[in-house]
Amino acid sequence: MPVKFAWAITGAGDYMPESVQVMNEIVQEHDVKVLIFLSKAGMQVIKWYKLLKDLEAISEKIRTEVDANTPFIAGALQKRTHKFLVVMPATANTVAKIAYGIADTLVTNAVSQAMKTAVPIYIYPVDQQPGSVTTVLPSGEKMELTTREIDLENVERLRAMKGMMVLGHPSEIKDHLRKYL
């Protein structure tokens, strides 16, 4: 019987292609079923990077945010239909909201509800290293970004949360998946 899990995608472009690649590898290598849900900005960025067809190859179930509770993802998480929740990549905005308990988007509400029923959460915040990073835009152009101190503090808040595992790289989810197979 396949292991079911949910994967939330926010509007972070940094590590978006790598995140989709890792999920594709997981689906190819293991007996899993993935419910993919995206924030509104997540869908914009997926389209910008031309990755929607890749997502469709990973899962038959792809949902896009209408509001904080539509589509209704929280119920399936609370009922433990999905063994765990992955949020990858996660924007600084999403991380800040989760760090302060704000559940006003589909992704942050799903995290909030999953935490209430002890569903494990694995999150990859793109802004977690001090200093500057270079990201590659869909055009191939490189852009340098500097992580803000507040973003680093919010990632530390996530690390302190019970049931929350902060990933250092998208590929780390593969190691955690082994627990559920």
N, C-alpha and C. Protein backbone atom coordinates (compact mmCIF):
# COMPACT_ATOMS: atom_id res chain seq x y z
N MET A 1 0.84 -1.18 0.00
CA MET A 1 0.00 0.00 0.00
C MET A 1 0.89 1.24 0.00
N PRO A 2 0.63 2.17 -0.90
CA PRO A 2 1.51 3.35 -0.99
C PRO A 2 1.43 4.24 0.25
N VAL A 3 2.54 4.86 0.58
CA VAL A 3 2.59 5.85 1.64
C VAL A 3 2.07 7.15 1.04
N LYS A 4 1.09 7.75 1.71
CA LYS A 4 0.53 9.02 1.25
C LYS A 4 1.11 10.16 2.08
N PHE A 5 1.49 11.22 1.38
CA PHE A 5 1.91 12.43 2.07
C PHE A 5 1.50 13.65 1.26
N ALA A 6 1.50 14.79 1.92
CA ALA A 6 1.11 16.05 1.29
C ALA A 6 2.35 16.91 1.11
N TRP A 7 2.36 17.65 0.00
CA TRP A 7 3.48 18.52 -0.32
C TRP A 7 2.94 19.90 -0.68
N ALA A 8 3.29 20.90 0.12
CA ALA A 8 2.88 22.28 -0.10
C ALA A 8 4.01 23.04 -0.78
N ILE A 9 3.65 23.82 -1.78
CA ILE A 9 4.61 24.62 -2.53
C ILE A 9 4.22 26.08 -2.40
N THR A 10 5.16 26.92 -1.98
CA THR A 10 4.91 28.35 -1.88
C THR A 10 5.59 29.06 -3.05
N GLY A 11 5.56 30.37 -3.05
CA GLY A 11 6.06 31.15 -4.18
C GLY A 11 7.54 31.43 -4.20
N ALA A 12 8.34 30.59 -3.58
CA ALA A 12 9.80 30.78 -3.61
C ALA A 12 10.36 30.20 -4.90
N GLY A 13 11.06 30.99 -5.66
CA GLY A 13 11.69 30.48 -6.87
C GLY A 13 13.00 29.78 -6.59
N ASP A 14 13.69 30.24 -5.54
CA ASP A 14 14.97 29.64 -5.18
C ASP A 14 14.74 28.18 -4.79
N TYR A 15 15.43 27.29 -5.42
CA TYR A 15 15.34 25.84 -5.19
C TYR A 15 14.00 25.23 -5.64
N MET A 16 13.23 25.94 -6.43
CA MET A 16 11.99 25.35 -6.95
C MET A 16 12.29 24.19 -7.89
N PRO A 17 13.15 24.36 -8.90
CA PRO A 17 13.43 23.22 -9.78
C PRO A 17 14.01 22.02 -9.02
N GLU A 18 14.90 22.28 -8.06
CA GLU A 18 15.49 21.20 -7.29
C GLU A 18 14.43 20.48 -6.44
N SER A 19 13.49 21.24 -5.89
CA SER A 19 12.43 20.64 -5.08
C SER A 19 11.55 19.72 -5.92
N VAL A 20 11.19 20.18 -7.11
CA VAL A 20 10.37 19.36 -8.00
C VAL A 20 11.15 18.12 -8.44
N GLN A 21 12.41 18.27 -8.72
CA GLN A 21 13.24 17.13 -9.12
C GLN A 21 13.30 16.08 -8.01
N VAL A 22 13.49 16.51 -6.77
CA VAL A 22 13.56 15.58 -5.65
C VAL A 22 12.23 14.83 -5.51
N MET A 23 11.12 15.54 -5.62
CA MET A 23 9.82 14.87 -5.49
C MET A 23 9.61 13.88 -6.63
N ASN A 24 10.05 14.23 -7.80
CA ASN A 24 9.93 13.31 -8.93
C ASN A 24 10.75 12.04 -8.65
N GLU A 25 11.94 12.20 -8.15
CA GLU A 25 12.79 11.05 -7.82
C GLU A 25 12.12 10.17 -6.76
N ILE A 26 11.52 10.78 -5.76
CA ILE A 26 10.85 10.01 -4.70
C ILE A 26 9.72 9.18 -5.28
N VAL A 27 8.91 9.79 -6.15
CA VAL A 27 7.78 9.07 -6.75
C VAL A 27 8.27 7.94 -7.64
N GLN A 28 9.37 8.16 -8.34
CA GLN A 28 9.91 7.13 -9.22
C GLN A 28 10.52 5.96 -8.44
N GLU A 29 11.10 6.26 -7.28
CA GLU A 29 11.86 5.25 -6.54
C GLU A 29 11.06 4.53 -5.46
N HIS A 30 9.90 5.07 -5.07
CA HIS A 30 9.17 4.51 -3.92
C HIS A 30 7.68 4.39 -4.22
N ASP A 31 7.03 3.55 -3.43
CA ASP A 31 5.58 3.38 -3.54
C ASP A 31 4.91 4.45 -2.69
N VAL A 32 4.72 5.63 -3.28
CA VAL A 32 4.14 6.77 -2.57
C VAL A 32 3.06 7.43 -3.43
N LYS A 33 2.17 8.13 -2.75
CA LYS A 33 1.18 8.98 -3.42
C LYS A 33 1.28 10.36 -2.78
N VAL A 34 1.39 11.36 -3.62
CA VAL A 34 1.61 12.72 -3.14
C VAL A 34 0.42 13.60 -3.50
N LEU A 35 -0.13 14.26 -2.49
CA LEU A 35 -1.11 15.32 -2.71
C LEU A 35 -0.31 16.62 -2.77
N ILE A 36 -0.33 17.28 -3.91
CA ILE A 36 0.40 18.53 -4.07
C ILE A 36 -0.59 19.68 -3.95
N PHE A 37 -0.27 20.64 -3.09
CA PHE A 37 -1.08 21.85 -3.06
C PHE A 37 -0.18 23.07 -3.04
N LEU A 38 -0.64 24.09 -3.75
CA LEU A 38 0.16 25.28 -3.97
C LEU A 38 -0.54 26.54 -3.48
N SER A 39 0.26 27.44 -2.95
CA SER A 39 -0.27 28.78 -2.68
C SER A 39 -0.52 29.44 -4.04
N LYS A 40 -1.24 30.54 -4.04
CA LYS A 40 -1.47 31.25 -5.30
C LYS A 40 -0.13 31.65 -5.93
N ALA A 41 0.77 32.17 -5.11
CA ALA A 41 2.09 32.56 -5.63
C ALA A 41 2.89 31.34 -6.06
N GLY A 42 2.70 30.22 -5.36
CA GLY A 42 3.37 28.99 -5.74
C GLY A 42 3.01 28.56 -7.16
N MET A 43 1.74 28.67 -7.50
CA MET A 43 1.30 28.33 -8.86
C MET A 43 1.92 29.29 -9.87
N GLN A 44 1.99 30.57 -9.54
CA GLN A 44 2.61 31.53 -10.44
C GLN A 44 4.07 31.17 -10.72
N VAL A 45 4.79 30.83 -9.67
CA VAL A 45 6.22 30.53 -9.82
C VAL A 45 6.42 29.20 -10.55
N ILE A 46 5.58 28.21 -10.27
CA ILE A 46 5.66 26.93 -10.99
C ILE A 46 5.48 27.17 -12.49
N LYS A 47 4.52 28.00 -12.84
CA LYS A 47 4.30 28.31 -14.26
C LYS A 47 5.47 29.10 -14.83
N TRP A 48 6.00 30.03 -14.06
CA TRP A 48 7.12 30.85 -14.49
C TRP A 48 8.33 29.97 -14.82
N TYR A 49 8.55 28.95 -13.98
CA TYR A 49 9.66 28.02 -14.21
C TYR A 49 9.30 26.89 -15.17
N LYS A 50 8.06 26.91 -15.69
CA LYS A 50 7.58 25.89 -16.63
C LYS A 50 7.68 24.48 -16.04
N LEU A 51 7.19 24.34 -14.80
CA LEU A 51 7.28 23.07 -14.09
C LEU A 51 5.92 22.41 -13.85
N LEU A 52 4.85 22.99 -14.38
CA LEU A 52 3.52 22.44 -14.11
C LEU A 52 3.39 21.02 -14.65
N LYS A 53 3.89 20.76 -15.84
CA LYS A 53 3.80 19.40 -16.40
C LYS A 53 4.60 18.41 -15.55
N ASP A 54 5.70 18.85 -14.99
CA ASP A 54 6.48 18.00 -14.09
C ASP A 54 5.65 17.63 -12.86
N LEU A 55 4.94 18.61 -12.31
CA LEU A 55 4.07 18.33 -11.15
C LEU A 55 2.97 17.35 -11.53
N GLU A 56 2.39 17.54 -12.69
CA GLU A 56 1.31 16.65 -13.14
C GLU A 56 1.82 15.22 -13.32
N ALA A 57 3.09 15.05 -13.63
CA ALA A 57 3.68 13.71 -13.74
C ALA A 57 3.92 13.10 -12.36
N ILE A 58 4.08 13.93 -11.35
CA ILE A 58 4.33 13.46 -9.99
C ILE A 58 3.05 13.03 -9.31
N SER A 59 1.97 13.77 -9.53
CA SER A 59 0.72 13.50 -8.80
C SER A 59 -0.50 13.80 -9.64
N GLU A 60 -1.51 12.97 -9.44
CA GLU A 60 -2.81 13.23 -10.07
C GLU A 60 -3.58 14.30 -9.30
N LYS A 61 -3.19 14.49 -8.04
CA LYS A 61 -3.89 15.44 -7.19
C LYS A 61 -3.05 16.69 -6.99
N ILE A 62 -3.40 17.74 -7.72
CA ILE A 62 -2.73 19.04 -7.59
C ILE A 62 -3.82 20.06 -7.31
N ARG A 63 -3.69 20.75 -6.19
CA ARG A 63 -4.70 21.73 -5.79
C ARG A 63 -4.04 23.09 -5.63
N THR A 64 -4.77 24.14 -6.00
CA THR A 64 -4.26 25.50 -5.85
C THR A 64 -5.15 26.28 -4.90
N GLU A 65 -4.53 27.09 -4.08
CA GLU A 65 -5.21 27.88 -3.07
C GLU A 65 -6.31 28.77 -3.65
N VAL A 66 -7.47 28.69 -3.04
CA VAL A 66 -8.54 29.64 -3.28
C VAL A 66 -8.60 30.59 -2.08
N ASP A 67 -8.58 29.99 -0.89
CA ASP A 67 -8.50 30.75 0.35
C ASP A 67 -7.84 29.86 1.41
N ALA A 68 -7.82 30.28 2.64
CA ALA A 68 -7.08 29.56 3.69
C ALA A 68 -7.61 28.15 3.95
N ASN A 69 -8.82 27.87 3.55
CA ASN A 69 -9.38 26.55 3.81
C ASN A 69 -9.95 25.88 2.55
N THR A 70 -9.64 26.46 1.39
CA THR A 70 -10.14 25.90 0.14
C THR A 70 -8.99 25.84 -0.86
N PRO A 71 -8.72 24.65 -1.37
CA PRO A 71 -9.38 23.37 -1.12
C PRO A 71 -9.13 22.89 0.31
N PHE A 72 -9.99 22.01 0.78
CA PHE A 72 -9.95 21.57 2.17
C PHE A 72 -8.86 20.51 2.37
N ILE A 73 -7.68 20.97 2.72
CA ILE A 73 -6.52 20.11 2.94
C ILE A 73 -6.41 19.73 4.41
N ALA A 74 -6.78 20.65 5.29
CA ALA A 74 -6.58 20.46 6.73
C ALA A 74 -7.27 19.20 7.25
N GLY A 75 -8.45 18.90 6.76
CA GLY A 75 -9.18 17.72 7.25
C GLY A 75 -8.43 16.43 6.99
N ALA A 76 -7.88 16.28 5.79
CA ALA A 76 -7.13 15.07 5.46
C ALA A 76 -5.87 14.96 6.31
N LEU A 77 -5.26 16.09 6.62
CA LEU A 77 -4.08 16.06 7.49
C LEU A 77 -4.48 15.69 8.91
N GLN A 78 -5.54 16.30 9.41
CA GLN A 78 -5.98 16.02 10.77
C GLN A 78 -6.42 14.56 10.95
N LYS A 79 -7.00 13.99 9.92
CA LYS A 79 -7.44 12.59 9.98
C LYS A 79 -6.29 11.63 9.72
N ARG A 80 -5.11 12.19 9.46
CA ARG A 80 -3.89 11.43 9.21
C ARG A 80 -3.98 10.56 7.95
N THR A 81 -4.75 11.04 6.98
CA THR A 81 -4.79 10.39 5.68
C THR A 81 -3.40 10.46 5.04
N HIS A 82 -2.68 11.52 5.38
CA HIS A 82 -1.31 11.72 4.90
C HIS A 82 -0.38 11.56 6.09
N LYS A 83 0.67 10.78 5.92
CA LYS A 83 1.59 10.46 7.02
C LYS A 83 2.40 11.65 7.49
N PHE A 84 2.68 12.57 6.57
CA PHE A 84 3.46 13.75 6.91
C PHE A 84 3.20 14.84 5.88
N LEU A 85 3.67 16.04 6.20
CA LEU A 85 3.51 17.21 5.34
C LEU A 85 4.89 17.77 5.02
N VAL A 86 5.11 18.05 3.76
CA VAL A 86 6.35 18.70 3.31
C VAL A 86 5.97 20.10 2.82
N VAL A 87 6.71 21.11 3.24
CA VAL A 87 6.53 22.47 2.74
C VAL A 87 7.87 22.84 2.10
N MET A 88 7.87 22.87 0.75
CA MET A 88 9.15 23.02 0.06
C MET A 88 8.93 23.48 -1.37
N PRO A 89 9.57 24.55 -1.77
CA PRO A 89 10.32 25.50 -0.96
C PRO A 89 9.36 26.44 -0.21
N ALA A 90 9.83 26.98 0.88
CA ALA A 90 9.02 27.88 1.70
C ALA A 90 9.60 29.29 1.66
N THR A 91 8.75 30.24 1.34
CA THR A 91 9.17 31.64 1.30
C THR A 91 9.40 32.18 2.71
N ALA A 92 10.09 33.29 2.80
CA ALA A 92 10.28 33.97 4.08
C ALA A 92 8.94 34.38 4.66
N ASN A 93 8.00 34.76 3.81
CA ASN A 93 6.67 35.15 4.28
C ASN A 93 5.96 33.98 4.95
N THR A 94 5.97 32.82 4.29
CA THR A 94 5.33 31.64 4.87
C THR A 94 6.00 31.24 6.18
N VAL A 95 7.33 31.27 6.20
CA VAL A 95 8.08 30.92 7.41
C VAL A 95 7.71 31.88 8.54
N ALA A 96 7.65 33.17 8.27
CA ALA A 96 7.31 34.15 9.30
C ALA A 96 5.91 33.89 9.86
N LYS A 97 4.96 33.62 8.98
CA LYS A 97 3.59 33.35 9.45
C LYS A 97 3.54 32.11 10.32
N ILE A 98 4.20 31.04 9.90
CA ILE A 98 4.21 29.82 10.70
C ILE A 98 4.89 30.09 12.04
N ALA A 99 6.01 30.81 12.02
CA ALA A 99 6.77 31.10 13.24
C ALA A 99 5.94 31.85 14.27
N TYR A 100 5.01 32.66 13.79
CA TYR A 100 4.19 33.46 14.70
C TYR A 100 2.75 32.97 14.81
N GLY A 101 2.48 31.78 14.29
CA GLY A 101 1.16 31.18 14.47
C GLY A 101 0.06 31.76 13.60
N ILE A 102 0.41 32.42 12.53
CA ILE A 102 -0.59 32.99 11.62
C ILE A 102 -0.96 31.93 10.59
N ALA A 103 -2.25 31.65 10.50
CA ALA A 103 -2.74 30.58 9.63
C ALA A 103 -3.77 31.12 8.65
N ASP A 104 -3.38 32.11 7.86
CA ASP A 104 -4.34 32.79 6.99
C ASP A 104 -4.17 32.47 5.51
N THR A 105 -3.38 31.46 5.19
CA THR A 105 -3.24 31.00 3.80
C THR A 105 -3.46 29.49 3.80
N LEU A 106 -3.61 28.91 2.64
CA LEU A 106 -3.80 27.47 2.55
C LEU A 106 -2.62 26.73 3.18
N VAL A 107 -1.41 27.18 2.86
CA VAL A 107 -0.22 26.49 3.37
C VAL A 107 -0.07 26.68 4.88
N THR A 108 -0.18 27.91 5.36
CA THR A 108 0.01 28.13 6.80
C THR A 108 -1.12 27.50 7.62
N ASN A 109 -2.32 27.47 7.08
CA ASN A 109 -3.43 26.80 7.77
C ASN A 109 -3.19 25.29 7.82
N ALA A 110 -2.71 24.72 6.73
CA ALA A 110 -2.42 23.28 6.71
C ALA A 110 -1.35 22.94 7.75
N VAL A 111 -0.31 23.77 7.84
CA VAL A 111 0.74 23.54 8.84
C VAL A 111 0.15 23.64 10.24
N SER A 112 -0.65 24.65 10.49
CA SER A 112 -1.26 24.84 11.80
C SER A 112 -2.10 23.63 12.20
N GLN A 113 -2.93 23.17 11.28
CA GLN A 113 -3.82 22.04 11.58
C GLN A 113 -3.04 20.75 11.71
N ALA A 114 -2.00 20.56 10.91
CA ALA A 114 -1.16 19.37 11.03
C ALA A 114 -0.48 19.33 12.40
N MET A 115 -0.01 20.49 12.86
CA MET A 115 0.65 20.54 14.16
C MET A 115 -0.30 20.17 15.29
N LYS A 116 -1.56 20.52 15.15
CA LYS A 116 -2.55 20.23 16.20
C LYS A 116 -2.80 18.74 16.37
N THR A 117 -2.51 17.96 15.35
CA THR A 117 -2.73 16.51 15.43
C THR A 117 -1.41 15.74 15.31
N ALA A 118 -0.31 16.40 15.55
CA ALA A 118 1.02 15.79 15.59
C ALA A 118 1.42 15.11 14.28
N VAL A 119 0.97 15.67 13.16
CA VAL A 119 1.44 15.18 11.86
C VAL A 119 2.82 15.79 11.64
N PRO A 120 3.83 14.98 11.39
CA PRO A 120 5.19 15.52 11.20
C PRO A 120 5.23 16.48 10.00
N ILE A 121 6.00 17.55 10.17
CA ILE A 121 6.14 18.56 9.13
C ILE A 121 7.62 18.72 8.80
N TYR A 122 7.92 18.67 7.52
CA TYR A 122 9.27 18.87 7.01
C TYR A 122 9.23 20.11 6.14
N ILE A 123 10.05 21.10 6.48
CA ILE A 123 10.00 22.37 5.76
C ILE A 123 11.38 22.76 5.28
N TYR A 124 11.43 23.26 4.05
CA TYR A 124 12.68 23.78 3.51
C TYR A 124 12.52 25.28 3.28
N PRO A 125 12.98 26.12 4.24
CA PRO A 125 12.95 27.56 4.05
C PRO A 125 14.11 27.98 3.16
N VAL A 126 13.83 28.75 2.13
CA VAL A 126 14.91 29.15 1.22
C VAL A 126 15.85 30.17 1.87
N ASP A 127 15.36 30.93 2.83
CA ASP A 127 16.18 31.96 3.48
C ASP A 127 16.62 31.48 4.86
N GLN A 128 17.62 30.59 4.88
CA GLN A 128 18.05 30.06 6.17
C GLN A 128 19.56 30.14 6.40
N GLN A 129 20.30 30.64 5.41
CA GLN A 129 21.74 30.78 5.55
C GLN A 129 22.10 32.26 5.63
N PRO A 130 22.96 32.64 6.58
CA PRO A 130 23.37 34.05 6.64
C PRO A 130 24.19 34.43 5.41
N GLY A 131 24.10 35.69 5.04
CA GLY A 131 24.89 36.18 3.92
C GLY A 131 24.10 36.18 2.63
N SER A 132 24.82 36.11 1.54
CA SER A 132 24.21 36.19 0.21
C SER A 132 24.23 34.84 -0.48
N VAL A 133 23.24 34.62 -1.32
CA VAL A 133 23.18 33.42 -2.15
C VAL A 133 22.87 33.87 -3.58
N THR A 134 23.28 33.05 -4.52
CA THR A 134 22.97 33.34 -5.92
C THR A 134 21.94 32.34 -6.39
N THR A 135 20.86 32.84 -6.93
CA THR A 135 19.80 31.98 -7.45
C THR A 135 19.74 32.17 -8.97
N VAL A 136 19.19 31.18 -9.63
CA VAL A 136 19.07 31.25 -11.09
C VAL A 136 17.60 31.41 -11.46
N LEU A 137 17.31 32.45 -12.20
CA LEU A 137 15.95 32.74 -12.65
C LEU A 137 15.57 31.82 -13.81
N PRO A 138 14.29 31.71 -14.13
CA PRO A 138 13.89 30.86 -15.25
C PRO A 138 14.58 31.21 -16.57
N SER A 139 14.96 32.46 -16.72
CA SER A 139 15.65 32.91 -17.95
C SER A 139 17.11 32.46 -18.00
N GLY A 140 17.60 31.94 -16.86
CA GLY A 140 19.01 31.57 -16.77
C GLY A 140 19.85 32.66 -16.13
N GLU A 141 19.27 33.84 -16.01
CA GLU A 141 19.96 34.97 -15.38
C GLU A 141 20.18 34.68 -13.90
N LYS A 142 21.33 35.11 -13.37
CA LYS A 142 21.63 34.92 -11.96
C LYS A 142 21.26 36.17 -11.18
N MET A 143 20.80 35.93 -9.94
CA MET A 143 20.43 37.04 -9.07
C MET A 143 20.99 36.76 -7.68
N GLU A 144 21.61 37.77 -7.09
CA GLU A 144 22.15 37.63 -5.74
C GLU A 144 21.13 38.14 -4.73
N LEU A 145 20.88 37.33 -3.71
CA LEU A 145 19.94 37.68 -2.65
C LEU A 145 20.65 37.63 -1.31
N THR A 146 20.31 38.56 -0.43
CA THR A 146 20.89 38.57 0.91
C THR A 146 19.80 38.24 1.92
N THR A 147 20.08 37.26 2.76
CA THR A 147 19.12 36.84 3.78
C THR A 147 19.08 37.88 4.89
N ARG A 148 17.87 38.24 5.27
CA ARG A 148 17.69 39.21 6.35
C ARG A 148 17.81 38.51 7.71
N GLU A 149 18.22 39.26 8.70
CA GLU A 149 18.36 38.72 10.06
C GLU A 149 17.02 38.20 10.57
N ILE A 150 15.94 38.89 10.30
CA ILE A 150 14.62 38.45 10.77
C ILE A 150 14.24 37.09 10.17
N ASP A 151 14.66 36.84 8.93
CA ASP A 151 14.38 35.55 8.31
C ASP A 151 15.13 34.43 9.03
N LEU A 152 16.37 34.69 9.39
CA LEU A 152 17.15 33.70 10.13
C LEU A 152 16.53 33.42 11.50
N GLU A 153 16.06 34.48 12.16
CA GLU A 153 15.41 34.32 13.47
C GLU A 153 14.13 33.48 13.34
N ASN A 154 13.38 33.70 12.27
CA ASN A 154 12.14 32.95 12.08
C ASN A 154 12.41 31.47 11.81
N VAL A 155 13.47 31.18 11.08
CA VAL A 155 13.85 29.78 10.86
C VAL A 155 14.20 29.13 12.19
N GLU A 156 14.89 29.85 13.05
CA GLU A 156 15.22 29.31 14.37
C GLU A 156 13.95 29.04 15.19
N ARG A 157 12.95 29.89 15.05
CA ARG A 157 11.67 29.65 15.73
C ARG A 157 11.06 28.33 15.25
N LEU A 158 11.15 28.08 13.93
CA LEU A 158 10.62 26.82 13.40
C LEU A 158 11.37 25.63 13.99
N ARG A 159 12.69 25.74 14.06
CA ARG A 159 13.49 24.64 14.61
C ARG A 159 13.06 24.27 16.03
N ALA A 160 12.58 25.26 16.77
CA ALA A 160 12.18 25.03 18.16
C ALA A 160 10.77 24.45 18.29
N MET A 161 10.02 24.37 17.21
CA MET A 161 8.64 23.89 17.27
C MET A 161 8.58 22.36 17.28
N LYS A 162 7.74 21.85 18.15
CA LYS A 162 7.55 20.40 18.25
C LYS A 162 6.92 19.89 16.96
N GLY A 163 7.51 18.83 16.41
CA GLY A 163 6.96 18.21 15.21
C GLY A 163 7.40 18.84 13.90
N MET A 164 8.25 19.85 13.99
CA MET A 164 8.72 20.59 12.81
C MET A 164 10.18 20.25 12.56
N MET A 165 10.49 19.78 11.36
CA MET A 165 11.87 19.47 10.99
C MET A 165 12.27 20.42 9.87
N VAL A 166 13.29 21.23 10.11
CA VAL A 166 13.78 22.16 9.11
C VAL A 166 14.86 21.45 8.29
N LEU A 167 14.62 21.36 6.99
CA LEU A 167 15.56 20.72 6.08
C LEU A 167 16.62 21.73 5.63
N GLY A 168 17.86 21.29 5.50
CA GLY A 168 18.93 22.15 5.03
C GLY A 168 19.05 22.19 3.52
N HIS A 169 18.43 21.21 2.85
CA HIS A 169 18.44 21.11 1.39
C HIS A 169 17.25 20.26 0.98
N PRO A 170 16.65 20.52 -0.18
CA PRO A 170 15.50 19.71 -0.60
C PRO A 170 15.75 18.20 -0.59
N SER A 171 16.95 17.76 -0.94
CA SER A 171 17.23 16.32 -1.01
C SER A 171 17.15 15.62 0.35
N GLU A 172 17.24 16.36 1.44
CA GLU A 172 17.18 15.75 2.78
C GLU A 172 15.86 15.06 3.05
N ILE A 173 14.80 15.41 2.33
CA ILE A 173 13.51 14.76 2.56
C ILE A 173 13.60 13.27 2.26
N LYS A 174 14.49 12.89 1.37
CA LYS A 174 14.65 11.46 1.03
C LYS A 174 15.04 10.63 2.25
N ASP A 175 15.93 11.15 3.07
CA ASP A 175 16.34 10.43 4.28
C ASP A 175 15.18 10.28 5.25
N HIS A 176 14.37 11.30 5.39
CA HIS A 176 13.25 11.26 6.32
C HIS A 176 12.14 10.34 5.82
N LEU A 177 11.98 10.25 4.52
CA LEU A 177 10.94 9.41 3.93
C LEU A 177 11.10 7.95 4.34
N ARG A 178 12.33 7.51 4.51
CA ARG A 178 12.61 6.10 4.86
C ARG A 178 11.86 5.66 6.11
N LYS A 179 11.59 6.58 7.03
CA LYS A 179 10.87 6.25 8.27
C LYS A 179 9.45 5.73 7.99
N TYR A 180 8.90 6.13 6.86
CA TYR A 180 7.49 5.85 6.57
C TYR A 180 7.30 4.71 5.59
N LEU A 181 8.38 4.20 5.02
CA LEU A 181 8.27 3.14 4.02
C LEU A 181 8.21 1.76 4.65
